[in-house]
Amino acid sequence: MRRCLDALYAAGAGLAALSLLSIFGVMMAQVVLREMRMQLPAADDVSAYLCVATTFFALAATFRRGELIRVGMLVNRLPSGVRRWAEAGVLLLAAVLLAYITWWTFQDMLFSYEIEEVAQGTVPIPLWIPKIAMPAGSALLLIAVLDELVAVLRGAKPGYVAAAEERAAAGDFSAEV
């Protein structure tokens, strides 16, 4: 199960990297075409959609590595037993919120599909296609949060805490606020 979940998070990170590379490709094509006095239709729209995809697909992997912003000023000061339950409570709250976000972004994507909504730019891109990234990325993050919640309830240290401690032990404080 662990390998399957890690592969799922890696797939999300891979899609984020592919989206980022695609932004680069669109921008470079736009630069080259400008030199030839031509335009790449909908380049701005496509870049914006890819930016959203990059963000949402990277969420789960970033969370698992402990690189999302986390304010632990209160939780870090709690005794270990109380801290475990506080972590579990926060993870449960995050899971509920992510389930809500996943549901509504999926409903929005589905509605765009049903009404055949298209972009208003120069190229009528069906909007349900770029909107797929939001519920998919949110669902990946929801799975990652539930994964951490199960680990915390079993008494394990959260992966994001362990990752932060490993970075601190190596002298890397770049992700800490």
C-alpha atoms as a PDB file:
ATOM      1  CA  MET A   1       0.000   0.000   0.000  1.00  0.00           C
ATOM      2  CA  ARG A   2       2.829   2.384   0.873  1.00  0.00           C
ATOM      3  CA  ARG A   3       4.446   1.916  -2.544  1.00  0.00           C
ATOM      4  CA  CYS A   4       1.133   2.519  -4.275  1.00  0.00           C
ATOM      5  CA  LEU A   5       0.501   5.753  -2.368  1.00  0.00           C
ATOM      6  CA  ASP A   6       4.046   6.995  -2.928  1.00  0.00           C
ATOM      7  CA  ALA A   7       3.682   6.216  -6.650  1.00  0.00           C
ATOM      8  CA  LEU A   8       0.429   8.189  -6.675  1.00  0.00           C
ATOM      9  CA  TYR A   9       2.117  11.217  -5.075  1.00  0.00           C
ATOM     10  CA  ALA A  10       5.047  10.880  -7.491  1.00  0.00           C
ATOM     11  CA  ALA A  11       2.616  10.757 -10.420  1.00  0.00           C
ATOM     12  CA  GLY A  12       1.071  14.024  -9.224  1.00  0.00           C
ATOM     13  CA  ALA A  13       4.533  15.583  -8.947  1.00  0.00           C
ATOM     14  CA  GLY A  14       5.346  14.267 -12.424  1.00  0.00           C
ATOM     15  CA  LEU A  15       2.205  15.881 -13.844  1.00  0.00           C
ATOM     16  CA  ALA A  16       3.168  19.128 -12.104  1.00  0.00           C
ATOM     17  CA  ALA A  17       6.641  18.955 -13.645  1.00  0.00           C
ATOM     18  CA  LEU A  18       5.139  18.227 -17.059  1.00  0.00           C
ATOM     19  CA  SER A  19       2.806  21.207 -16.675  1.00  0.00           C
ATOM     20  CA  LEU A  20       5.722  23.430 -15.720  1.00  0.00           C
ATOM     21  CA  LEU A  21       7.741  22.199 -18.688  1.00  0.00           C
ATOM     22  CA  SER A  22       4.732  22.880 -20.906  1.00  0.00           C
ATOM     23  CA  ILE A  23       4.583  26.478 -19.643  1.00  0.00           C
ATOM     24  CA  PHE A  24       8.224  26.815 -20.682  1.00  0.00           C
ATOM     25  CA  GLY A  25       7.396  25.350 -24.103  1.00  0.00           C
ATOM     26  CA  VAL A  26       4.504  27.745 -24.634  1.00  0.00           C
ATOM     27  CA  MET A  27       6.585  30.742 -23.577  1.00  0.00           C
ATOM     28  CA  MET A  28       9.513  29.763 -25.813  1.00  0.00           C
ATOM     29  CA  ALA A  29       7.171  29.171 -28.762  1.00  0.00           C
ATOM     30  CA  GLN A  30       5.673  32.573 -28.148  1.00  0.00           C
ATOM     31  CA  VAL A  31       9.127  34.220 -28.154  1.00  0.00           C
ATOM     32  CA  VAL A  32      10.181  32.470 -31.365  1.00  0.00           C
ATOM     33  CA  LEU A  33       6.925  33.259 -33.127  1.00  0.00           C
ATOM     34  CA  ARG A  34       7.127  36.916 -32.087  1.00  0.00           C
ATOM     35  CA  GLU A  35      10.496  37.170 -33.814  1.00  0.00           C
ATOM     36  CA  MET A  36       8.767  35.919 -36.970  1.00  0.00           C
ATOM     37  CA  ARG A  37       5.986  38.481 -36.443  1.00  0.00           C
ATOM     38  CA  MET A  38       3.457  35.758 -35.615  1.00  0.00           C
ATOM     39  CA  GLN A  39       1.450  34.892 -32.527  1.00  0.00           C
ATOM     40  CA  LEU A  40       0.669  31.706 -30.664  1.00  0.00           C
ATOM     41  CA  PRO A  41      -3.104  31.837 -30.200  1.00  0.00           C
ATOM     42  CA  ALA A  42      -4.306  31.487 -26.594  1.00  0.00           C
ATOM     43  CA  ALA A  43      -0.751  31.333 -25.212  1.00  0.00           C
ATOM     44  CA  ASP A  44      -1.712  33.410 -22.166  1.00  0.00           C
ATOM     45  CA  ASP A  45      -4.792  31.284 -21.478  1.00  0.00           C
ATOM     46  CA  VAL A  46      -2.898  28.015 -21.846  1.00  0.00           C
ATOM     47  CA  SER A  47      -0.077  29.267 -19.618  1.00  0.00           C
ATOM     48  CA  ALA A  48      -2.588  30.250 -16.938  1.00  0.00           C
ATOM     49  CA  TYR A  49      -4.301  26.845 -17.094  1.00  0.00           C
ATOM     50  CA  LEU A  50      -0.937  25.093 -16.883  1.00  0.00           C
ATOM     51  CA  CYS A  51       0.035  27.243 -13.902  1.00  0.00           C
ATOM     52  CA  VAL A  52      -3.070  26.078 -12.046  1.00  0.00           C
ATOM     53  CA  ALA A  53      -2.329  22.460 -13.024  1.00  0.00           C
ATOM     54  CA  THR A  54       1.267  22.801 -11.813  1.00  0.00           C
ATOM     55  CA  THR A  55       0.081  24.100  -8.459  1.00  0.00           C
ATOM     56  CA  PHE A  56      -2.667  21.569  -7.825  1.00  0.00           C
ATOM     57  CA  PHE A  57      -0.776  18.484  -9.024  1.00  0.00           C
ATOM     58  CA  ALA A  58       2.227  19.351  -6.833  1.00  0.00           C
ATOM     59  CA  LEU A  59       0.243  19.756  -3.599  1.00  0.00           C
ATOM     60  CA  ALA A  60       0.304  16.134  -2.373  1.00  0.00           C
ATOM     61  CA  ALA A  61       4.010  15.563  -2.992  1.00  0.00           C
ATOM     62  CA  THR A  62       4.851  18.918  -1.455  1.00  0.00           C
ATOM     63  CA  PHE A  63       2.754  18.104   1.616  1.00  0.00           C
ATOM     64  CA  ARG A  64       4.399  14.695   2.013  1.00  0.00           C
ATOM     65  CA  ARG A  65       7.852  16.303   1.906  1.00  0.00           C
ATOM     66  CA  GLY A  66       6.852  18.793   4.587  1.00  0.00           C
ATOM     67  CA  GLU A  67       7.356  21.736   2.267  1.00  0.00           C
ATOM     68  CA  LEU A  68       3.925  23.329   2.511  1.00  0.00           C
ATOM     69  CA  ILE A  69       3.636  26.259   4.872  1.00  0.00           C
ATOM     70  CA  ARG A  70       2.783  24.975   8.329  1.00  0.00           C
ATOM     71  CA  VAL A  71       2.424  27.123  11.403  1.00  0.00           C
ATOM     72  CA  GLY A  72       3.266  24.936  14.370  1.00  0.00           C
ATOM     73  CA  MET A  73       3.846  27.566  17.027  1.00  0.00           C
ATOM     74  CA  LEU A  74       1.186  26.074  19.316  1.00  0.00           C
ATOM     75  CA  VAL A  75       1.395  22.404  18.332  1.00  0.00           C
ATOM     76  CA  ASN A  76       5.203  22.318  18.651  1.00  0.00           C
ATOM     77  CA  ARG A  77       4.967  23.383  22.308  1.00  0.00           C
ATOM     78  CA  LEU A  78       2.498  20.684  23.346  1.00  0.00           C
ATOM     79  CA  PRO A  79       3.532  17.514  25.216  1.00  0.00           C
ATOM     80  CA  SER A  80       3.890  14.528  22.844  1.00  0.00           C
ATOM     81  CA  GLY A  81       0.613  12.819  23.821  1.00  0.00           C
ATOM     82  CA  VAL A  82      -1.439  15.975  23.467  1.00  0.00           C
ATOM     83  CA  ARG A  83       0.490  16.927  20.359  1.00  0.00           C
ATOM     84  CA  ARG A  84      -0.468  13.661  18.658  1.00  0.00           C
ATOM     85  CA  TRP A  85      -4.158  14.361  19.193  1.00  0.00           C
ATOM     86  CA  ALA A  86      -3.755  17.990  18.126  1.00  0.00           C
ATOM     87  CA  GLU A  87      -2.028  16.825  14.918  1.00  0.00           C
ATOM     88  CA  ALA A  88      -4.838  14.310  14.357  1.00  0.00           C
ATOM     89  CA  GLY A  89      -7.472  17.003  14.894  1.00  0.00           C
ATOM     90  CA  VAL A  90      -5.794  19.390  12.478  1.00  0.00           C
ATOM     91  CA  LEU A  91      -5.382  16.635   9.891  1.00  0.00           C
ATOM     92  CA  LEU A  92      -9.039  15.671  10.294  1.00  0.00           C
ATOM     93  CA  LEU A  93     -10.101  19.297   9.808  1.00  0.00           C
ATOM     94  CA  ALA A  94      -7.846  19.538   6.746  1.00  0.00           C
ATOM     95  CA  ALA A  95      -9.378  16.331   5.363  1.00  0.00           C
ATOM     96  CA  VAL A  96     -12.919  17.682   5.795  1.00  0.00           C
ATOM     97  CA  LEU A  97     -12.002  20.958   4.087  1.00  0.00           C
ATOM     98  CA  LEU A  98     -10.206  19.159   1.267  1.00  0.00           C
ATOM     99  CA  ALA A  99     -13.156  16.832   0.739  1.00  0.00           C
ATOM    100  CA  TYR A 100     -15.354  19.919   0.403  1.00  0.00           C
ATOM    101  CA  ILE A 101     -12.922  21.584  -2.017  1.00  0.00           C
ATOM    102  CA  THR A 102     -12.581  18.390  -4.060  1.00  0.00           C
ATOM    103  CA  TRP A 103     -16.351  17.977  -4.262  1.00  0.00           C
ATOM    104  CA  TRP A 104     -17.051  21.533  -5.378  1.00  0.00           C
ATOM    105  CA  THR A 105     -14.193  21.788  -7.856  1.00  0.00           C
ATOM    106  CA  PHE A 106     -15.404  18.493  -9.358  1.00  0.00           C
ATOM    107  CA  GLN A 107     -18.953  19.862  -9.550  1.00  0.00           C
ATOM    108  CA  ASP A 108     -17.648  23.010 -11.262  1.00  0.00           C
ATOM    109  CA  MET A 109     -15.674  20.946 -13.773  1.00  0.00           C
ATOM    110  CA  LEU A 110     -18.694  18.725 -14.420  1.00  0.00           C
ATOM    111  CA  PHE A 111     -20.958  21.762 -14.885  1.00  0.00           C
ATOM    112  CA  SER A 112     -18.510  23.235 -17.414  1.00  0.00           C
ATOM    113  CA  TYR A 113     -18.624  19.940 -19.289  1.00  0.00           C
ATOM    114  CA  GLU A 114     -22.425  19.742 -19.221  1.00  0.00           C
ATOM    115  CA  ILE A 115     -22.983  23.261 -20.531  1.00  0.00           C
ATOM    116  CA  GLU A 116     -20.071  22.990 -22.980  1.00  0.00           C
ATOM    117  CA  GLU A 117     -18.400  26.075 -21.523  1.00  0.00           C
ATOM    118  CA  VAL A 118     -15.460  27.355 -23.556  1.00  0.00           C
ATOM    119  CA  ALA A 119     -12.757  29.963 -22.979  1.00  0.00           C
ATOM    120  CA  GLN A 120     -13.559  33.453 -24.210  1.00  0.00           C
ATOM    121  CA  GLY A 121     -10.102  33.962 -25.739  1.00  0.00           C
ATOM    122  CA  THR A 122      -8.968  33.519 -29.321  1.00  0.00           C
ATOM    123  CA  VAL A 123      -9.206  29.722 -29.078  1.00  0.00           C
ATOM    124  CA  PRO A 124     -12.457  28.279 -27.668  1.00  0.00           C
ATOM    125  CA  ILE A 125     -10.861  25.748 -25.304  1.00  0.00           C
ATOM    126  CA  PRO A 126     -13.436  23.596 -23.487  1.00  0.00           C
ATOM    127  CA  LEU A 127     -12.969  24.748 -19.885  1.00  0.00           C
ATOM    128  CA  TRP A 128     -13.677  21.378 -18.291  1.00  0.00           C
ATOM    129  CA  ILE A 129     -10.299  20.186 -19.584  1.00  0.00           C
ATOM    130  CA  PRO A 130      -8.092  22.635 -17.645  1.00  0.00           C
ATOM    131  CA  LYS A 131     -10.500  22.454 -14.693  1.00  0.00           C
ATOM    132  CA  ILE A 132      -9.711  18.729 -14.246  1.00  0.00           C
ATOM    133  CA  ALA A 133      -6.493  19.682 -12.437  1.00  0.00           C
ATOM    134  CA  MET A 134      -8.311  21.258  -9.489  1.00  0.00           C
ATOM    135  CA  PRO A 135     -10.398  18.284  -8.294  1.00  0.00           C
ATOM    136  CA  ALA A 136      -7.641  15.826  -9.244  1.00  0.00           C
ATOM    137  CA  GLY A 137      -4.963  17.736  -7.334  1.00  0.00           C
ATOM    138  CA  SER A 138      -7.293  18.346  -4.394  1.00  0.00           C
ATOM    139  CA  ALA A 139      -8.162  14.639  -4.287  1.00  0.00           C
ATOM    140  CA  LEU A 140      -4.457  13.736  -4.278  1.00  0.00           C
ATOM    141  CA  LEU A 141      -3.863  16.117  -1.383  1.00  0.00           C
ATOM    142  CA  LEU A 142      -6.901  14.689   0.431  1.00  0.00           C
ATOM    143  CA  ILE A 143      -5.442  11.189   0.076  1.00  0.00           C
ATOM    144  CA  ALA A 144      -2.077  12.434   1.396  1.00  0.00           C
ATOM    145  CA  VAL A 145      -3.740  14.106   4.391  1.00  0.00           C
ATOM    146  CA  LEU A 146      -5.767  10.972   5.162  1.00  0.00           C
ATOM    147  CA  ASP A 147      -2.554   8.944   4.819  1.00  0.00           C
ATOM    148  CA  GLU A 148      -0.894  11.162   7.439  1.00  0.00           C
ATOM    149  CA  LEU A 149      -3.979  11.045   9.662  1.00  0.00           C
ATOM    150  CA  VAL A 150      -3.895   7.246   9.715  1.00  0.00           C
ATOM    151  CA  ALA A 151      -0.165   7.317  10.523  1.00  0.00           C
ATOM    152  CA  VAL A 152      -0.699   9.789  13.385  1.00  0.00           C
ATOM    153  CA  LEU A 153      -3.596   7.766  14.794  1.00  0.00           C
ATOM    154  CA  ARG A 154      -1.334   4.705  14.740  1.00  0.00           C
ATOM    155  CA  GLY A 155       1.190   6.633  16.840  1.00  0.00           C
ATOM    156  CA  ALA A 156       3.716   7.459  14.119  1.00  0.00           C
ATOM    157  CA  LYS A 157       5.332  10.840  13.692  1.00  0.00           C
ATOM    158  CA  PRO A 158       3.770  12.765  10.789  1.00  0.00           C
ATOM    159  CA  GLY A 159       5.852  12.533   7.620  1.00  0.00           C
ATOM    160  CA  TYR A 160       5.950  16.303   7.235  1.00  0.00           C
ATOM    161  CA  VAL A 161       7.400  16.643  10.756  1.00  0.00           C
ATOM    162  CA  ALA A 162       9.989  13.923  10.095  1.00  0.00           C
ATOM    163  CA  ALA A 163      10.976  15.596   6.808  1.00  0.00           C
ATOM    164  CA  ALA A 164      11.387  18.974   8.537  1.00  0.00           C
ATOM    165  CA  GLU A 165      13.498  17.373  11.271  1.00  0.00           C
ATOM    166  CA  GLU A 166      15.717  15.675   8.670  1.00  0.00           C
ATOM    167  CA  ARG A 167      16.270  18.993   6.884  1.00  0.00           C
ATOM    168  CA  ALA A 168      17.070  20.715  10.208  1.00  0.00           C
ATOM    169  CA  ALA A 169      19.517  17.933  11.157  1.00  0.00           C
ATOM    170  CA  ALA A 170      21.266  18.459   7.810  1.00  0.00           C
ATOM    171  CA  GLY A 171      21.493  22.196   8.502  1.00  0.00           C
ATOM    172  CA  ASP A 172      18.879  23.140   5.914  1.00  0.00           C
ATOM    173  CA  PHE A 173      16.479  25.700   7.350  1.00  0.00           C
ATOM    174  CA  SER A 174      15.301  27.046   3.989  1.00  0.00           C
ATOM    175  CA  ALA A 175      11.751  25.693   4.327  1.00  0.00           C
ATOM    176  CA  GLU A 176      11.256  26.798   7.929  1.00  0.00           C
ATOM    177  CA  VAL A 177       9.475  30.017   8.778  1.00  0.00           C
END
